[in-house]
Amino acid sequence: MSNLRRHNPALQERLGSLLAAGDFAGLLSCLDGLNATDRRTAGYLLGEVLLPTLDAAAYWDVFAVVVPHDPKAYLGTFLKAGCRLYEGGRLKFGHRAFLRFAATDATVVDRRKTLEAFLPLLRTPEEAIALLDMFGVEPATRVPYLFRAGSRPCYFLLFQQLKALDDALLTRKYCLLLMQRGDRLSFNLASLLKHYFALENIPGTFSLRLEPYEQGRLDTSYEAFDKVLTSI
């Protein structure tokens, strides 16, 4: 990436014109015809400048043409733009192109990259569950994804999943990993896990104290869980 050139007005105009015209096959042909340097520039321009200006339908339509053609080259570019669109409230994940990608086109690596890009941004546990379902991630294998995401909705689902798995060694492992992560939210969840699951031999000092009624509501109400998690 040291040779990345971020400015190429002629290339930006050409790519922008193809996007504006809805000529996504022409866009792909243009990308395929570029040399390595210009292709890197095109990736930057698409991810940072051009794709974030599209509406959701156009974004997914061009995604469907370009990304499956060469995911290694273009998936990261589209994920970067997709994250910006989602953060701006302009992206939904139910488009047929994304559903097809999740169900049939995405490789194991593509699935991991996509989930790791979008999961940390999602605003609700329901969105996170829907995304994991789209990519066929079984409940028993969701813990690493939820841990890596590190968001409040994903931490709620992580708590729920650890409770469902009922594996004291696994819960202790993630309690320690959360402590090692070091940020306030992660340490708060580690404290919650220690007390809720009565984990032993956990180093550190924890200030959390849960009332019985709070314990009973933690895994059924995201709002109750979030209130405890963020008030420690």
Protein backbone atom coordinates (compact mmCIF):
# COMPACT_ATOMS: atom_id res chain seq x y z
CA MET A 1 0.00 0.00 0.00
CA SER A 2 3.01 2.28 0.10
CA ASN A 3 2.52 2.96 -3.62
CA LEU A 4 -1.11 3.99 -3.23
CA ARG A 5 -2.00 7.11 -5.18
CA ARG A 6 -5.14 8.68 -3.76
CA HIS A 7 -5.67 11.27 -6.48
CA ASN A 8 -6.47 10.50 -10.09
CA PRO A 9 -9.19 12.88 -11.33
CA ALA A 10 -9.56 11.19 -14.70
CA LEU A 11 -10.01 7.76 -13.14
CA GLN A 12 -12.40 9.12 -10.51
CA GLU A 13 -14.52 10.74 -13.20
CA ARG A 14 -14.56 7.56 -15.26
CA LEU A 15 -15.58 5.37 -12.32
CA GLY A 16 -18.14 7.92 -11.14
CA SER A 17 -19.72 8.14 -14.57
CA LEU A 18 -20.11 4.36 -14.79
CA LEU A 19 -21.70 4.26 -11.33
CA ALA A 20 -24.04 7.14 -12.14
CA ALA A 21 -25.13 5.42 -15.34
CA GLY A 22 -25.76 2.13 -13.52
CA ASP A 23 -23.31 0.46 -15.87
CA PHE A 24 -21.90 -1.94 -13.32
CA ALA A 25 -20.71 -4.45 -15.92
CA GLY A 26 -18.82 -1.58 -17.54
CA LEU A 27 -17.38 -0.66 -14.15
CA LEU A 28 -16.12 -4.20 -13.67
CA SER A 29 -14.62 -4.21 -17.17
CA CYS A 30 -12.90 -0.91 -16.39
CA LEU A 31 -11.45 -2.26 -13.16
CA ASP A 32 -10.22 -5.42 -14.85
CA GLY A 33 -8.40 -3.34 -17.47
CA LEU A 34 -6.40 -1.27 -14.98
CA ASN A 35 -2.77 -1.83 -14.13
CA ALA A 36 -1.87 -2.69 -10.54
CA THR A 37 -1.20 0.90 -9.46
CA ASP A 38 -4.42 2.28 -10.91
CA ARG A 39 -6.39 -0.63 -9.51
CA ARG A 40 -5.21 0.26 -6.01
CA THR A 41 -6.18 3.88 -6.66
CA ALA A 42 -9.56 2.75 -7.94
CA GLY A 43 -10.10 0.70 -4.79
CA TYR A 44 -9.36 3.73 -2.65
CA LEU A 45 -11.63 5.99 -4.71
CA LEU A 46 -14.48 3.50 -4.62
CA GLY A 47 -14.23 2.75 -0.91
CA GLU A 48 -13.60 6.28 0.33
CA VAL A 49 -15.20 8.59 -2.21
CA LEU A 50 -17.66 7.04 -4.66
CA LEU A 51 -19.51 4.10 -3.11
CA PRO A 52 -20.41 5.99 0.11
CA THR A 53 -22.46 8.41 -2.00
CA LEU A 54 -24.78 5.69 -3.33
CA ASP A 55 -28.15 4.73 -1.97
CA ALA A 56 -28.52 1.24 -0.51
CA ALA A 57 -30.11 -0.31 -3.61
CA ALA A 58 -27.38 0.92 -5.95
CA TYR A 59 -24.66 -0.10 -3.50
CA TRP A 60 -25.93 -3.67 -3.31
CA ASP A 61 -26.51 -3.85 -7.07
CA VAL A 62 -22.91 -2.94 -7.83
CA PHE A 63 -21.74 -5.16 -4.97
CA ALA A 64 -23.47 -8.11 -6.66
CA VAL A 65 -21.56 -7.53 -9.90
CA VAL A 66 -18.10 -6.64 -8.64
CA VAL A 67 -17.45 -8.49 -5.38
CA PRO A 68 -18.21 -12.10 -6.42
CA HIS A 69 -16.01 -11.57 -9.49
CA ASP A 70 -12.92 -11.14 -7.28
CA PRO A 71 -13.65 -11.00 -3.53
CA LYS A 72 -9.97 -10.89 -2.62
CA ALA A 73 -9.55 -7.69 -4.62
CA TYR A 74 -12.85 -5.92 -3.93
CA LEU A 75 -14.59 -7.20 -0.79
CA GLY A 76 -12.56 -4.99 1.55
CA THR A 77 -13.31 -1.94 -0.58
CA PHE A 78 -17.04 -2.58 -0.45
CA LEU A 79 -17.03 -3.38 3.26
CA LYS A 80 -15.32 -0.09 4.00
CA ALA A 81 -17.96 1.82 2.06
CA GLY A 82 -20.76 -0.33 3.47
CA CYS A 83 -19.71 0.48 7.03
CA ARG A 84 -19.89 4.19 6.25
CA LEU A 85 -23.31 3.78 4.67
CA TYR A 86 -24.58 1.83 7.68
CA GLU A 87 -23.22 4.38 10.13
CA GLY A 88 -25.02 7.06 8.14
CA GLY A 89 -28.30 5.16 8.43
CA ARG A 90 -28.41 4.35 4.72
CA LEU A 91 -27.75 0.60 4.56
CA LYS A 92 -29.92 -2.43 5.28
CA PHE A 93 -28.79 -6.03 5.02
CA GLY A 94 -31.89 -7.65 3.56
CA HIS A 95 -31.11 -6.90 -0.10
CA ARG A 96 -31.24 -9.97 -2.35
CA ALA A 97 -27.66 -9.39 -3.55
CA PHE A 98 -26.29 -9.52 -0.01
CA LEU A 99 -28.44 -12.52 0.88
CA ARG A 100 -27.15 -14.37 -2.18
CA PHE A 101 -23.56 -13.46 -1.34
CA ALA A 102 -23.99 -14.71 2.23
CA ALA A 103 -25.72 -17.93 1.20
CA THR A 104 -23.76 -19.01 -1.88
CA ASP A 105 -20.96 -16.72 -3.06
CA ALA A 106 -18.98 -15.99 0.10
CA THR A 107 -16.04 -18.19 1.04
CA VAL A 108 -15.17 -18.95 4.65
CA VAL A 109 -12.71 -16.05 4.57
CA ASP A 110 -15.30 -13.74 2.99
CA ARG A 111 -17.79 -14.59 5.71
CA ARG A 112 -15.29 -13.87 8.45
CA LYS A 113 -14.24 -10.54 6.92
CA THR A 114 -17.83 -9.43 6.43
CA LEU A 115 -18.95 -10.34 9.92
CA GLU A 116 -15.90 -8.73 11.50
CA ALA A 117 -16.55 -5.53 9.55
CA PHE A 118 -20.27 -5.16 10.25
CA LEU A 119 -20.92 -6.81 13.63
CA PRO A 120 -19.17 -4.14 15.75
CA LEU A 121 -21.37 -1.44 14.19
CA LEU A 122 -24.79 -3.01 14.60
CA ARG A 123 -27.12 -1.14 16.90
CA THR A 124 -29.30 -3.95 18.21
CA PRO A 125 -28.92 -7.62 19.19
CA GLU A 126 -31.61 -8.47 16.66
CA GLU A 127 -29.52 -7.07 13.81
CA ALA A 128 -26.51 -9.06 14.98
CA ILE A 129 -28.51 -12.29 15.18
CA ALA A 130 -29.95 -11.70 11.71
CA LEU A 131 -26.49 -11.13 10.24
CA LEU A 132 -25.05 -14.25 11.88
CA ASP A 133 -28.04 -16.24 10.64
CA MET A 134 -27.50 -14.97 7.08
CA PHE A 135 -23.99 -16.35 7.09
CA GLY A 136 -24.99 -19.64 8.62
CA VAL A 137 -23.09 -19.19 11.89
CA GLU A 138 -24.58 -21.73 14.28
CA PRO A 139 -25.34 -20.49 17.80
CA ALA A 140 -22.72 -22.77 19.36
CA THR A 141 -19.96 -21.21 17.22
CA ARG A 142 -20.91 -17.55 17.63
CA VAL A 143 -18.90 -16.80 20.78
CA PRO A 144 -15.62 -15.81 19.03
CA TYR A 145 -17.44 -13.48 16.61
CA LEU A 146 -19.37 -11.81 19.42
CA PHE A 147 -16.24 -11.41 21.51
CA ARG A 148 -14.26 -9.86 18.67
CA ALA A 149 -17.09 -7.45 17.86
CA GLY A 150 -16.88 -5.97 21.36
CA SER A 151 -20.06 -3.89 21.10
CA ARG A 152 -22.80 -3.61 23.69
CA PRO A 153 -25.37 -5.58 21.60
CA CYS A 154 -22.79 -8.28 20.86
CA TYR A 155 -21.72 -8.45 24.49
CA PHE A 156 -25.36 -9.07 25.41
CA LEU A 157 -25.48 -11.94 22.92
CA LEU A 158 -22.11 -13.22 24.18
CA PHE A 159 -23.52 -13.32 27.71
CA GLN A 160 -26.62 -15.15 26.47
CA GLN A 161 -24.58 -17.64 24.48
CA LEU A 162 -22.23 -18.44 27.35
CA LYS A 163 -25.23 -19.07 29.54
CA ALA A 164 -26.79 -21.36 26.92
CA LEU A 165 -23.56 -23.34 26.44
CA ASP A 166 -23.20 -23.79 30.22
CA ASP A 167 -19.46 -24.46 29.99
CA ALA A 168 -17.63 -23.12 33.05
CA LEU A 169 -14.18 -23.45 31.46
CA LEU A 170 -15.28 -21.57 28.33
CA THR A 171 -16.92 -18.84 30.39
CA ARG A 172 -13.78 -18.47 32.52
CA LYS A 173 -11.65 -18.29 29.36
CA TYR A 174 -13.69 -15.39 27.98
CA CYS A 175 -13.83 -13.67 31.34
CA LEU A 176 -10.02 -13.59 31.35
CA LEU A 177 -9.87 -12.52 27.70
CA LEU A 178 -12.23 -9.64 28.44
CA MET A 179 -10.02 -8.54 31.31
CA GLN A 180 -6.98 -8.65 29.04
CA ARG A 181 -8.73 -6.49 26.47
CA GLY A 182 -8.59 -3.72 29.02
CA ASP A 183 -11.33 -1.27 28.02
CA ARG A 184 -14.04 -0.31 30.50
CA LEU A 185 -16.89 -2.12 28.76
CA SER A 186 -14.95 -5.38 28.50
CA PHE A 187 -13.84 -5.23 32.13
CA ASN A 188 -17.43 -4.57 33.17
CA LEU A 189 -18.60 -7.64 31.29
CA ALA A 190 -15.82 -9.71 32.88
CA SER A 191 -17.05 -8.51 36.27
CA LEU A 192 -20.61 -9.40 35.36
CA LEU A 193 -19.59 -12.89 34.20
CA LYS A 194 -17.58 -13.53 37.35
CA HIS A 195 -20.46 -12.71 39.65
CA TYR A 196 -23.33 -14.10 37.59
CA PHE A 197 -21.63 -17.46 36.98
CA ALA A 198 -19.82 -17.51 40.34
CA LEU A 199 -16.48 -18.03 38.63
CA GLU A 200 -13.57 -18.86 40.90
CA ASN A 201 -9.87 -18.04 40.72
CA ILE A 202 -10.39 -14.91 38.65
CA PRO A 203 -7.67 -12.35 39.43
CA GLY A 204 -8.53 -8.71 39.95
CA THR A 205 -10.88 -6.63 42.06
CA PHE A 206 -14.47 -6.20 40.94
CA SER A 207 -16.95 -3.73 42.31
CA LEU A 208 -20.10 -5.12 40.71
CA ARG A 209 -22.88 -6.36 42.94
CA LEU A 210 -26.03 -7.76 41.37
CA GLU A 211 -29.41 -7.75 43.06
CA PRO A 212 -31.43 -10.96 42.58
CA TYR A 213 -33.98 -9.19 40.39
CA GLU A 214 -31.17 -7.85 38.18
CA GLN A 215 -29.72 -11.32 37.68
CA GLY A 216 -33.08 -12.66 36.62
CA ARG A 217 -33.54 -10.01 33.92
CA LEU A 218 -30.03 -9.90 32.47
CA ASP A 219 -30.48 -12.47 29.72
CA THR A 220 -34.07 -11.61 28.80
CA SER A 221 -33.83 -7.84 28.42
CA TYR A 222 -31.10 -6.10 26.47
CA GLU A 223 -32.07 -2.83 28.11
CA ALA A 224 -31.62 -4.29 31.61
CA PHE A 225 -28.32 -5.90 30.65
CA ASP A 226 -27.04 -2.70 29.05
CA LYS A 227 -28.01 -0.64 32.08
CA VAL A 228 -25.96 -2.88 34.35
CA LEU A 229 -23.05 -3.16 31.92
CA THR A 230 -22.67 0.58 31.47
CA SER A 231 -23.30 1.64 35.07
CA ILE A 232 -20.56 -0.33 36.80
